[in-house]
């Protein structure tokens, strides 16, 4: 008898990745862009933070086997510091979540974290 991983004859979706540009420590009032990546064929990317999330269907091809979506935050505030992660929808199902990325906000001589 085979393993449980192919229970329904569908391979599991690869786990998405998350990164932040220009980095994960951002000066107060500056711009940050979260980049979520997954396989080709993704319909929707979702950026999650706690119980809140943003969805986008603006998915672009990042390479022959990769797609990505960008979530831009124009003016980062103290309240934006925290843990973010990505998830995506590739019909007919949602992927598992990415690892967490911690965004830190730096203002004067203070850095806000969690």
PDB file of N, CA and C in Angstrom:
ATOM      1  N   UNK A   1       0.850  -1.199   0.000  1.00  0.00           N
ATOM      2  CA  UNK A   1       0.000   0.000   0.000  1.00  0.00           C
ATOM      3  C   UNK A   1       0.880   1.241   0.000  1.00  0.00           C
ATOM      4  N   UNK A   2       0.508   2.237  -0.786  1.00  0.00           N
ATOM      5  CA  UNK A   2       1.329   3.436  -0.919  1.00  0.00           C
ATOM      6  C   UNK A   2       1.211   4.359   0.281  1.00  0.00           C
ATOM      7  N   UNK A   3       2.012   5.393   0.283  1.00  0.00           N
ATOM      8  CA  UNK A   3       1.995   6.356   1.382  1.00  0.00           C
ATOM      9  C   UNK A   3       0.753   7.231   1.345  1.00  0.00           C
ATOM     10  N   UNK A   4       0.561   8.004   2.386  1.00  0.00           N
ATOM     11  CA  UNK A   4      -0.630   8.839   2.513  1.00  0.00           C
ATOM     12  C   UNK A   4      -0.550  10.103   1.661  1.00  0.00           C
ATOM     13  N   UNK A   5       0.668  10.412   1.144  1.00  0.00           N
ATOM     14  CA  UNK A   5       0.844  11.716   0.512  1.00  0.00           C
ATOM     15  C   UNK A   5       0.029  11.849  -0.782  1.00  0.00           C
ATOM     16  N   UNK A   6      -0.286  10.737  -1.438  1.00  0.00           N
ATOM     17  CA  UNK A   6      -1.046  10.827  -2.686  1.00  0.00           C
ATOM     18  C   UNK A   6      -2.456  10.291  -2.496  1.00  0.00           C
ATOM     19  N   UNK A   7      -3.033  10.624  -1.350  1.00  0.00           N
ATOM     20  CA  UNK A   7      -4.340  10.120  -0.979  1.00  0.00           C
ATOM     21  C   UNK A   7      -5.391  10.390  -2.050  1.00  0.00           C
ATOM     22  N   UNK A   8      -5.382  11.613  -2.600  1.00  0.00           N
ATOM     23  CA  UNK A   8      -6.410  11.976  -3.582  1.00  0.00           C
ATOM     24  C   UNK A   8      -5.842  12.101  -4.986  1.00  0.00           C
ATOM     25  N   UNK A   9      -4.659  11.565  -5.209  1.00  0.00           N
ATOM     26  CA  UNK A   9      -4.086  11.593  -6.541  1.00  0.00           C
ATOM     27  C   UNK A   9      -3.604  12.972  -6.961  1.00  0.00           C
ATOM     28  N   UNK A  10      -3.448  13.900  -6.013  1.00  0.00           N
ATOM     29  CA  UNK A  10      -2.932  15.234  -6.350  1.00  0.00           C
ATOM     30  C   UNK A  10      -1.647  15.439  -5.592  1.00  0.00           C
ATOM     31  N   UNK A  11      -0.622  15.982  -6.284  1.00  0.00           N
ATOM     32  CA  UNK A  11       0.597  16.229  -5.533  1.00  0.00           C
ATOM     33  C   UNK A  11       0.393  17.447  -4.641  1.00  0.00           C
ATOM     34  N   UNK A  12       1.090  17.491  -3.541  1.00  0.00           N
ATOM     35  CA  UNK A  12       0.985  18.641  -2.648  1.00  0.00           C
ATOM     36  C   UNK A  12       1.585  19.866  -3.322  1.00  0.00           C
ATOM     37  N   UNK A  13       1.001  21.002  -3.032  1.00  0.00           N
ATOM     38  CA  UNK A  13       1.521  22.245  -3.593  1.00  0.00           C
ATOM     39  C   UNK A  13       2.804  22.640  -2.861  1.00  0.00           C
ATOM     40  N   UNK A  14       3.795  23.147  -3.582  1.00  0.00           N
ATOM     41  CA  UNK A  14       5.010  23.593  -2.898  1.00  0.00           C
ATOM     42  C   UNK A  14       4.720  24.768  -1.976  1.00  0.00           C
ATOM     43  N   UNK A  15       5.469  24.856  -0.896  1.00  0.00           N
ATOM     44  CA  UNK A  15       5.274  25.927   0.079  1.00  0.00           C
ATOM     45  C   UNK A  15       5.754  27.257  -0.516  1.00  0.00           C
ATOM     46  N   UNK A  16       4.982  28.322  -0.342  1.00  0.00           N
ATOM     47  CA  UNK A  16       5.421  29.613  -0.880  1.00  0.00           C
ATOM     48  C   UNK A  16       6.583  30.182  -0.082  1.00  0.00           C
ATOM     49  N   UNK A  17       7.244  31.180  -0.650  1.00  0.00           N
ATOM     50  CA  UNK A  17       8.292  31.885   0.091  1.00  0.00           C
ATOM     51  C   UNK A  17       7.894  33.353   0.207  1.00  0.00           C
ATOM     52  N   UNK A  18       8.473  34.037   1.179  1.00  0.00           N
ATOM     53  CA  UNK A  18       8.190  35.455   1.390  1.00  0.00           C
ATOM     54  C   UNK A  18       9.508  36.187   1.608  1.00  0.00           C
ATOM     55  N   UNK A  19       9.616  37.365   1.031  1.00  0.00           N
ATOM     56  CA  UNK A  19      10.779  38.213   1.290  1.00  0.00           C
ATOM     57  C   UNK A  19      10.309  39.659   1.303  1.00  0.00           C
ATOM     58  N   UNK A  20      11.179  40.545   1.766  1.00  0.00           N
ATOM     59  CA  UNK A  20      10.836  41.963   1.836  1.00  0.00           C
ATOM     60  C   UNK A  20      11.930  42.756   1.130  1.00  0.00           C
ATOM     61  N   UNK A  21      11.511  43.743   0.340  1.00  0.00           N
ATOM     62  CA  UNK A  21      12.462  44.627  -0.332  1.00  0.00           C
ATOM     63  C   UNK A  21      12.223  46.049   0.159  1.00  0.00           C
ATOM     64  N   UNK A  22      13.235  46.825   0.503  1.00  0.00           N
ATOM     65  CA  UNK A  22      14.668  46.515   0.402  1.00  0.00           C
ATOM     66  C   UNK A  22      15.200  45.624   1.514  1.00  0.00           C
ATOM     67  N   UNK A  23      14.404  45.292   2.531  1.00  0.00           N
ATOM     68  CA  UNK A  23      14.875  44.445   3.621  1.00  0.00           C
ATOM     69  C   UNK A  23      13.789  44.346   4.673  1.00  0.00           C
ATOM     70  N   UNK A  24      14.088  43.670   5.782  1.00  0.00           N
ATOM     71  CA  UNK A  24      13.051  43.470   6.800  1.00  0.00           C
ATOM     72  C   UNK A  24      13.163  44.453   7.960  1.00  0.00           C
ATOM     73  N   UNK A  25      14.164  45.346   7.917  1.00  0.00           N
ATOM     74  CA  UNK A  25      14.241  46.433   8.899  1.00  0.00           C
ATOM     75  C   UNK A  25      14.085  47.734   8.116  1.00  0.00           C
ATOM     76  N   UNK A  26      12.977  48.441   8.351  1.00  0.00           N
ATOM     77  CA  UNK A  26      12.590  49.573   7.511  1.00  0.00           C
ATOM     78  C   UNK A  26      12.500  50.837   8.368  1.00  0.00           C
ATOM     79  N   UNK A  27      13.127  51.940   7.926  1.00  0.00           N
ATOM     80  CA  UNK A  27      12.975  53.201   8.654  1.00  0.00           C
ATOM     81  C   UNK A  27      11.521  53.679   8.625  1.00  0.00           C
ATOM     82  N   UNK A  28      11.080  54.259   9.726  1.00  0.00           N
ATOM     83  CA  UNK A  28       9.735  54.814   9.851  1.00  0.00           C
ATOM     84  C   UNK A  28       9.422  55.715   8.661  1.00  0.00           C
ATOM     85  N   UNK A  29       8.234  55.532   8.059  1.00  0.00           N
ATOM     86  CA  UNK A  29       7.822  56.374   6.934  1.00  0.00           C
ATOM     87  C   UNK A  29       8.341  55.926   5.583  1.00  0.00           C
ATOM     88  N   UNK A  30       9.177  54.887   5.548  1.00  0.00           N
ATOM     89  CA  UNK A  30       9.732  54.422   4.275  1.00  0.00           C
ATOM     90  C   UNK A  30       8.834  53.378   3.619  1.00  0.00           C
ATOM     91  N   UNK A  31       9.218  53.015   2.420  1.00  0.00           N
ATOM     92  CA  UNK A  31       8.470  52.062   1.605  1.00  0.00           C
ATOM     93  C   UNK A  31       9.024  50.655   1.806  1.00  0.00           C
ATOM     94  N   UNK A  32       8.138  49.688   1.889  1.00  0.00           N
ATOM     95  CA  UNK A  32       8.567  48.282   1.872  1.00  0.00           C
ATOM     96  C   UNK A  32       7.644  47.519   0.938  1.00  0.00           C
ATOM     97  N   UNK A  33       8.193  46.539   0.237  1.00  0.00           N
ATOM     98  CA  UNK A  33       7.399  45.675  -0.635  1.00  0.00           C
ATOM     99  C   UNK A  33       7.613  44.228  -0.218  1.00  0.00           C
ATOM    100  N   UNK A  34       6.522  43.551   0.110  1.00  0.00           N
ATOM    101  CA  UNK A  34       6.595  42.117   0.392  1.00  0.00           C
ATOM    102  C   UNK A  34       6.466  41.372  -0.928  1.00  0.00           C
ATOM    103  N   UNK A  35       7.328  40.389  -1.139  1.00  0.00           N
ATOM    104  CA  UNK A  35       7.298  39.592  -2.362  1.00  0.00           C
ATOM    105  C   UNK A  35       6.968  38.152  -1.977  1.00  0.00           C
ATOM    106  N   UNK A  36       5.855  37.647  -2.523  1.00  0.00           N
ATOM    107  CA  UNK A  36       5.443  36.260  -2.287  1.00  0.00           C
ATOM    108  C   UNK A  36       5.706  35.471  -3.564  1.00  0.00           C
ATOM    109  N   UNK A  37       6.300  34.298  -3.422  1.00  0.00           N
ATOM    110  CA  UNK A  37       6.586  33.478  -4.604  1.00  0.00           C
ATOM    111  C   UNK A  37       6.007  32.082  -4.448  1.00  0.00           C
ATOM    112  N   UNK A  38       5.572  31.545  -5.580  1.00  0.00           N
ATOM    113  CA  UNK A  38       5.028  30.188  -5.605  1.00  0.00           C
ATOM    114  C   UNK A  38       5.238  29.601  -6.994  1.00  0.00           C
ATOM    115  N   UNK A  39       4.608  28.465  -7.284  1.00  0.00           N
ATOM    116  CA  UNK A  39       4.770  27.833  -8.603  1.00  0.00           C
ATOM    117  C   UNK A  39       3.975  28.584  -9.665  1.00  0.00           C
ATOM    118  N   UNK A  40       4.149  28.200 -10.925  1.00  0.00           N
ATOM    119  CA  UNK A  40       3.315  28.799 -11.971  1.00  0.00           C
ATOM    120  C   UNK A  40       1.882  28.309 -11.812  1.00  0.00           C
ATOM    121  N   UNK A  41       0.939  29.096 -12.326  1.00  0.00           N
ATOM    122  CA  UNK A  41      -0.467  28.696 -12.262  1.00  0.00           C
ATOM    123  C   UNK A  41      -1.195  29.195 -11.029  1.00  0.00           C
ATOM    124  N   UNK A  42      -0.529  30.025 -10.217  1.00  0.00           N
ATOM    125  CA  UNK A  42      -1.190  30.562  -9.030  1.00  0.00           C
ATOM    126  C   UNK A  42      -2.254  31.574  -9.456  1.00  0.00           C
ATOM    127  N   UNK A  43      -3.438  31.484  -8.844  1.00  0.00           N
ATOM    128  CA  UNK A  43      -4.534  32.402  -9.151  1.00  0.00           C
ATOM    129  C   UNK A  43      -4.506  33.619  -8.227  1.00  0.00           C
ATOM    130  N   UNK A  44      -4.302  33.378  -6.931  1.00  0.00           N
ATOM    131  CA  UNK A  44      -4.343  34.444  -5.926  1.00  0.00           C
ATOM    132  C   UNK A  44      -3.214  34.259  -4.923  1.00  0.00           C
ATOM    133  N   UNK A  45      -2.522  35.330  -4.610  1.00  0.00           N
ATOM    134  CA  UNK A  45      -1.588  35.325  -3.485  1.00  0.00           C
ATOM    135  C   UNK A  45      -2.228  36.098  -2.338  1.00  0.00           C
ATOM    136  N   UNK A  46      -1.972  35.650  -1.122  1.00  0.00           N
ATOM    137  CA  UNK A  46      -2.500  36.314   0.068  1.00  0.00           C
ATOM    138  C   UNK A  46      -1.345  36.591   1.020  1.00  0.00           C
ATOM    139  N   UNK A  47      -1.265  37.838   1.477  1.00  0.00           N
ATOM    140  CA  UNK A  47      -0.295  38.221   2.500  1.00  0.00           C
ATOM    141  C   UNK A  47      -1.047  38.281   3.819  1.00  0.00           C
ATOM    142  N   UNK A  48      -0.618  37.468   4.785  1.00  0.00           N
ATOM    143  CA  UNK A  48      -1.315  37.380   6.068  1.00  0.00           C
ATOM    144  C   UNK A  48      -0.488  38.029   7.172  1.00  0.00           C
ATOM    145  N   UNK A  49      -1.204  38.682   8.073  1.00  0.00           N
ATOM    146  CA  UNK A  49      -0.577  39.157   9.302  1.00  0.00           C
ATOM    147  C   UNK A  49      -1.596  38.974  10.413  1.00  0.00           C
ATOM    148  N   UNK A  50      -1.323  38.018  11.303  1.00  0.00           N
ATOM    149  CA  UNK A  50      -2.311  37.713  12.341  1.00  0.00           C
ATOM    150  C   UNK A  50      -3.618  37.287  11.690  1.00  0.00           C
ATOM    151  N   UNK A  51      -4.705  37.959  12.063  1.00  0.00           N
ATOM    152  CA  UNK A  51      -6.020  37.606  11.499  1.00  0.00           C
ATOM    153  C   UNK A  51      -6.367  38.440  10.285  1.00  0.00           C
ATOM    154  N   UNK A  52      -5.503  39.382   9.912  1.00  0.00           N
ATOM    155  CA  UNK A  52      -5.812  40.236   8.761  1.00  0.00           C
ATOM    156  C   UNK A  52      -5.034  39.747   7.549  1.00  0.00           C
ATOM    157  N   UNK A  53      -5.541  40.058   6.366  1.00  0.00           N
ATOM    158  CA  UNK A  53      -4.835  39.638   5.154  1.00  0.00           C
ATOM    159  C   UNK A  53      -5.195  40.542   3.987  1.00  0.00           C
ATOM    160  N   UNK A  54      -4.332  40.520   2.979  1.00  0.00           N
ATOM    161  CA  UNK A  54      -4.584  41.180   1.692  1.00  0.00           C
ATOM    162  C   UNK A  54      -4.481  40.130   0.606  1.00  0.00           C
ATOM    163  N   UNK A  55      -5.422  40.152  -0.333  1.00  0.00           N
ATOM    164  CA  UNK A  55      -5.376  39.247  -1.484  1.00  0.00           C
ATOM    165  C   UNK A  55      -5.038  40.036  -2.740  1.00  0.00           C
ATOM    166  N   UNK A  56      -4.320  39.401  -3.655  1.00  0.00           N
ATOM    167  CA  UNK A  56      -4.122  40.007  -4.967  1.00  0.00           C
ATOM    168  C   UNK A  56      -4.188  38.928  -6.040  1.00  0.00           C
ATOM    169  N   UNK A  57      -4.776  39.300  -7.175  1.00  0.00           N
ATOM    170  CA  UNK A  57      -4.772  38.418  -8.341  1.00  0.00           C
ATOM    171  C   UNK A  57      -3.776  38.940  -9.370  1.00  0.00           C
ATOM    172  N   UNK A  58      -3.008  39.954  -8.978  1.00  0.00           N
ATOM    173  CA  UNK A  58      -2.001  40.536  -9.862  1.00  0.00           C
ATOM    174  C   UNK A  58      -0.722  39.697  -9.728  1.00  0.00           C
ATOM    175  N   UNK A  59      -0.746  38.540 -10.384  1.00  0.00           N
ATOM    176  CA  UNK A  59       0.346  37.565 -10.270  1.00  0.00           C
ATOM    177  C   UNK A  59       1.190  37.636 -11.528  1.00  0.00           C
ATOM    178  N   UNK A  60       2.501  37.750 -11.371  1.00  0.00           N
ATOM    179  CA  UNK A  60       3.368  37.800 -12.546  1.00  0.00           C
ATOM    180  C   UNK A  60       4.311  36.605 -12.557  1.00  0.00           C
ATOM    181  N   UNK A  61       4.829  36.305 -13.742  1.00  0.00           N
ATOM    182  CA  UNK A  61       5.747  35.178 -13.899  1.00  0.00           C
ATOM    183  C   UNK A  61       7.142  35.637 -13.478  1.00  0.00           C
ATOM    184  N   UNK A  62       7.740  34.938 -12.510  1.00  0.00           N
ATOM    185  CA  UNK A  62       9.065  35.333 -12.012  1.00  0.00           C
ATOM    186  C   UNK A  62      10.169  34.496 -12.654  1.00  0.00           C
ATOM    187  N   UNK A  63       9.780  33.431 -13.345  1.00  0.00           N
ATOM    188  CA  UNK A  63      10.751  32.535 -13.965  1.00  0.00           C
ATOM    189  C   UNK A  63       9.994  31.427 -14.646  1.00  0.00           C
ATOM    190  N   UNK A  64      10.689  30.484 -15.272  1.00  0.00           N
ATOM    191  CA  UNK A  64       9.982  29.417 -16.005  1.00  0.00           C
ATOM    192  C   UNK A  64       9.087  28.567 -15.121  1.00  0.00           C
ATOM    193  N   UNK A  65       9.424  28.449 -13.830  1.00  0.00           N
ATOM    194  CA  UNK A  65       8.605  27.587 -12.968  1.00  0.00           C
ATOM    195  C   UNK A  65       8.143  28.329 -11.726  1.00  0.00           C
ATOM    196  N   UNK A  66       8.118  29.659 -11.796  1.00  0.00           N
ATOM    197  CA  UNK A  66       7.829  30.436 -10.590  1.00  0.00           C
ATOM    198  C   UNK A  66       6.941  31.631 -10.922  1.00  0.00           C
ATOM    199  N   UNK A  67       6.027  31.932  -9.999  1.00  0.00           N
ATOM    200  CA  UNK A  67       5.234  33.152 -10.136  1.00  0.00           C
ATOM    201  C   UNK A  67       5.364  33.940  -8.839  1.00  0.00           C
ATOM    202  N   UNK A  68       5.025  35.233  -8.902  1.00  0.00           N
ATOM    203  CA  UNK A  68       5.165  36.061  -7.705  1.00  0.00           C
ATOM    204  C   UNK A  68       4.109  37.145  -7.682  1.00  0.00           C
ATOM    205  N   UNK A  69       3.886  37.680  -6.502  1.00  0.00           N
ATOM    206  CA  UNK A  69       3.029  38.853  -6.329  1.00  0.00           C
ATOM    207  C   UNK A  69       3.737  39.779  -5.355  1.00  0.00           C
ATOM    208  N   UNK A  70       3.486  41.094  -5.531  1.00  0.00           N
ATOM    209  CA  UNK A  70       4.143  42.092  -4.695  1.00  0.00           C
ATOM    210  C   UNK A  70       3.094  42.888  -3.933  1.00  0.00           C
ATOM    211  N   UNK A  71       3.325  43.042  -2.654  1.00  0.00           N
ATOM    212  CA  UNK A  71       2.427  43.807  -1.785  1.00  0.00           C
ATOM    213  C   UNK A  71       3.209  45.016  -1.275  1.00  0.00           C
ATOM    214  N   UNK A  72       2.801  46.197  -1.696  1.00  0.00           N
ATOM    215  CA  UNK A  72       3.570  47.395  -1.393  1.00  0.00           C
ATOM    216  C   UNK A  72       2.936  48.147  -0.233  1.00  0.00           C
ATOM    217  N   UNK A  73       3.780  48.596   0.680  1.00  0.00           N
ATOM    218  CA  UNK A  73       3.334  49.405   1.817  1.00  0.00           C
ATOM    219  C   UNK A  73       4.074  50.734   1.705  1.00  0.00           C
ATOM    220  N   UNK A  74       3.324  51.812   1.469  1.00  0.00           N
ATOM    221  CA  UNK A  74       3.969  53.079   1.117  1.00  0.00           C
ATOM    222  C   UNK A  74       4.668  53.782   2.259  1.00  0.00           C
ATOM    223  N   UNK A  75       4.056  53.838   3.406  1.00  0.00           N
ATOM    224  CA  UNK A  75       4.650  54.586   4.512  1.00  0.00           C
ATOM    225  C   UNK A  75       4.525  53.747   5.774  1.00  0.00           C
ATOM    226  N   UNK A  76       5.613  53.075   6.109  1.00  0.00           N
ATOM    227  CA  UNK A  76       5.592  52.128   7.216  1.00  0.00           C
ATOM    228  C   UNK A  76       5.491  52.865   8.553  1.00  0.00           C
ATOM    229  N   UNK A  77       4.607  52.373   9.421  1.00  0.00           N
ATOM    230  CA  UNK A  77       4.442  52.939  10.767  1.00  0.00           C
ATOM    231  C   UNK A  77       4.823  51.897  11.812  1.00  0.00           C
ATOM    232  N   UNK A  78       4.904  52.360  13.067  1.00  0.00           N
ATOM    233  CA  UNK A  78       5.247  51.438  14.155  1.00  0.00           C
ATOM    234  C   UNK A  78       4.309  50.236  14.168  1.00  0.00           C
ATOM    235  N   UNK A  79       3.036  50.510  13.904  1.00  0.00           N
ATOM    236  CA  UNK A  79       2.025  49.446  13.960  1.00  0.00           C
ATOM    237  C   UNK A  79       2.169  48.393  12.880  1.00  0.00           C
ATOM    238  N   UNK A  80       3.012  48.643  11.880  1.00  0.00           N
ATOM    239  CA  UNK A  80       3.217  47.654  10.817  1.00  0.00           C
ATOM    240  C   UNK A  80       4.253  46.603  11.178  1.00  0.00           C
ATOM    241  N   UNK A  81       4.999  46.831  12.273  1.00  0.00           N
ATOM    242  CA  UNK A  81       5.990  45.833  12.691  1.00  0.00           C
ATOM    243  C   UNK A  81       5.258  44.552  13.088  1.00  0.00           C
ATOM    244  N   UNK A  82       5.872  43.421  12.797  1.00  0.00           N
ATOM    245  CA  UNK A  82       5.249  42.159  13.183  1.00  0.00           C
ATOM    246  C   UNK A  82       5.578  41.042  12.217  1.00  0.00           C
ATOM    247  N   UNK A  83       4.834  39.950  12.339  1.00  0.00           N
ATOM    248  CA  UNK A  83       5.089  38.739  11.555  1.00  0.00           C
ATOM    249  C   UNK A  83       4.140  38.664  10.368  1.00  0.00           C
ATOM    250  N   UNK A  84       4.693  38.429   9.201  1.00  0.00           N
ATOM    251  CA  UNK A  84       3.928  38.313   7.963  1.00  0.00           C
ATOM    252  C   UNK A  84       4.220  36.956   7.328  1.00  0.00           C
ATOM    253  N   UNK A  85       3.238  36.439   6.586  1.00  0.00           N
ATOM    254  CA  UNK A  85       3.486  35.232   5.813  1.00  0.00           C
ATOM    255  C   UNK A  85       2.583  35.200   4.594  1.00  0.00           C
ATOM    256  N   UNK A  86       2.927  34.342   3.648  1.00  0.00           N
ATOM    257  CA  UNK A  86       2.180  34.224   2.386  1.00  0.00           C
ATOM    258  C   UNK A  86       1.493  32.879   2.289  1.00  0.00           C
ATOM    259  N   UNK A  87       0.432  32.885   1.505  1.00  0.00           N
ATOM    260  CA  UNK A  87      -0.262  31.650   1.142  1.00  0.00           C
ATOM    261  C   UNK A  87      -0.804  31.920  -0.267  1.00  0.00           C
ATOM    262  N   UNK A  88      -1.037  30.893  -1.044  1.00  0.00           N
ATOM    263  CA  UNK A  88      -1.576  31.138  -2.389  1.00  0.00           C
ATOM    264  C   UNK A  88      -2.671  30.139  -2.723  1.00  0.00           C
ATOM    265  N   UNK A  89      -3.493  30.533  -3.691  1.00  0.00           N
ATOM    266  CA  UNK A  89      -4.571  29.678  -4.181  1.00  0.00           C
ATOM    267  C   UNK A  89      -4.240  29.254  -5.597  1.00  0.00           C
ATOM    268  N   UNK A  90      -4.075  27.966  -5.765  1.00  0.00           N
ATOM    269  CA  UNK A  90      -3.899  27.397  -7.105  1.00  0.00           C
ATOM    270  C   UNK A  90      -5.010  26.381  -7.252  1.00  0.00           C
ATOM    271  N   UNK A  91      -6.028  26.697  -8.069  1.00  0.00           N
ATOM    272  CA  UNK A  91      -7.207  25.835  -8.126  1.00  0.00           C
ATOM    273  C   UNK A  91      -6.817  24.369  -8.262  1.00  0.00           C
ATOM    274  N   UNK A  92      -7.455  23.494  -7.470  1.00  0.00           N
ATOM    275  CA  UNK A  92      -8.639  23.759  -6.644  1.00  0.00           C
ATOM    276  C   UNK A  92      -8.346  23.988  -5.163  1.00  0.00           C
ATOM    277  N   UNK A  93      -7.133  24.319  -4.769  1.00  0.00           N
ATOM    278  CA  UNK A  93      -6.916  24.418  -3.325  1.00  0.00           C
ATOM    279  C   UNK A  93      -5.893  25.480  -2.944  1.00  0.00           C
ATOM    280  N   UNK A  94      -5.865  25.766  -1.638  1.00  0.00           N
ATOM    281  CA  UNK A  94      -4.889  26.688  -1.062  1.00  0.00           C
ATOM    282  C   UNK A  94      -3.628  25.919  -0.682  1.00  0.00           C
ATOM    283  N   UNK A  95      -2.496  26.611  -0.755  1.00  0.00           N
ATOM    284  CA  UNK A  95      -1.223  26.018  -0.339  1.00  0.00           C
ATOM    285  C   UNK A  95      -1.107  26.071   1.181  1.00  0.00           C
ATOM    286  N   UNK A  96      -0.029  25.501   1.705  1.00  0.00           N
ATOM    287  CA  UNK A  96       0.267  25.756   3.111  1.00  0.00           C
ATOM    288  C   UNK A  96       0.938  27.128   3.207  1.00  0.00           C
ATOM    289  N   UNK A  97       1.089  27.626   4.429  1.00  0.00           N
ATOM    290  CA  UNK A  97       1.656  28.951   4.602  1.00  0.00           C
ATOM    291  C   UNK A  97       3.167  28.941   4.485  1.00  0.00           C
ATOM    292  N   UNK A  98       3.714  30.083   4.095  1.00  0.00           N
ATOM    293  CA  UNK A  98       5.165  30.236   4.070  1.00  0.00           C
ATOM    294  C   UNK A  98       5.689  30.328   5.502  1.00  0.00           C
ATOM    295  N   UNK A  99       7.001  30.351   5.625  1.00  0.00           N
ATOM    296  CA  UNK A  99       7.606  30.672   6.912  1.00  0.00           C
ATOM    297  C   UNK A  99       7.258  32.120   7.251  1.00  0.00           C
ATOM    298  N   UNK A 100       7.403  32.488   8.516  1.00  0.00           N
ATOM    299  CA  UNK A 100       7.147  33.869   8.915  1.00  0.00           C
ATOM    300  C   UNK A 100       8.321  34.766   8.555  1.00  0.00           C
ATOM    301  N   UNK A 101       7.983  35.995   8.170  1.00  0.00           N
ATOM    302  CA  UNK A 101       8.988  37.042   8.006  1.00  0.00           C
ATOM    303  C   UNK A 101       8.659  38.121   9.034  1.00  0.00           C
ATOM    304  N   UNK A 102       9.648  38.508   9.833  1.00  0.00           N
ATOM    305  CA  UNK A 102       9.397  39.556  10.820  1.00  0.00           C
ATOM    306  C   UNK A 102       9.822  40.901  10.259  1.00  0.00           C
ATOM    307  N   UNK A 103       8.858  41.822  10.187  1.00  0.00           N
ATOM    308  CA  UNK A 103       9.166  43.181   9.755  1.00  0.00           C
ATOM    309  C   UNK A 103       9.458  44.027  10.994  1.00  0.00           C
ATOM    310  N   UNK A 104      10.592  44.710  10.973  1.00  0.00           N
ATOM    311  CA  UNK A 104      10.934  45.623  12.054  1.00  0.00           C
ATOM    312  C   UNK A 104      10.934  47.037  11.520  1.00  0.00           C
ATOM    313  N   UNK A 105      10.468  47.964  12.339  1.00  0.00           N
ATOM    314  CA  UNK A 105      10.370  49.367  11.945  1.00  0.00           C
ATOM    315  C   UNK A 105      11.305  50.173  12.841  1.00  0.00           C
ATOM    316  N   UNK A 106      12.109  50.995  12.193  1.00  0.00           N
ATOM    317  CA  UNK A 106      13.166  51.720  12.895  1.00  0.00           C
ATOM    318  C   UNK A 106      12.862  53.214  12.848  1.00  0.00           C
ATOM    319  N   UNK A 107      12.796  53.860  14.018  1.00  0.00           N
ATOM    320  CA  UNK A 107      12.555  55.289  14.048  1.00  0.00           C
ATOM    321  C   UNK A 107      13.475  55.940  15.065  1.00  0.00           C
ATOM    322  N   UNK A 108      14.305  56.877  14.635  1.00  0.00           N
ATOM    323  CA  UNK A 108      15.251  57.492  15.549  1.00  0.00           C
ATOM    324  C   UNK A 108      16.156  56.419  16.135  1.00  0.00           C
ATOM    325  N   UNK A 109      16.186  56.308  17.460  1.00  0.00           N
ATOM    326  CA  UNK A 109      17.013  55.265  18.048  1.00  0.00           C
ATOM    327  C   UNK A 109      16.172  54.117  18.590  1.00  0.00           C
ATOM    328  N   UNK A 110      14.937  54.006  18.124  1.00  0.00           N
ATOM    329  CA  UNK A 110      14.049  52.928  18.586  1.00  0.00           C
ATOM    330  C   UNK A 110      13.766  52.002  17.416  1.00  0.00           C
ATOM    331  N   UNK A 111      13.765  50.700  17.679  1.00  0.00           N
ATOM    332  CA  UNK A 111      13.306  49.738  16.666  1.00  0.00           C
ATOM    333  C   UNK A 111      12.101  49.012  17.230  1.00  0.00           C
ATOM    334  N   UNK A 112      10.983  49.098  16.503  1.00  0.00           N
ATOM    335  CA  UNK A 112       9.779  48.379  16.940  1.00  0.00           C
ATOM    336  C   UNK A 112       9.792  46.984  16.349  1.00  0.00           C
ATOM    337  N   UNK A 113       9.608  46.013  17.209  1.00  0.00           N
ATOM    338  CA  UNK A 113       9.469  44.642  16.742  1.00  0.00           C
ATOM    339  C   UNK A 113       8.106  44.157  17.190  1.00  0.00           C
ATOM    340  N   UNK A 114       8.000  42.897  17.545  1.00  0.00           N
ATOM    341  CA  UNK A 114       6.704  42.346  17.960  1.00  0.00           C
ATOM    342  C   UNK A 114       6.168  43.024  19.213  1.00  0.00           C
TER     343      UNK A 114
END
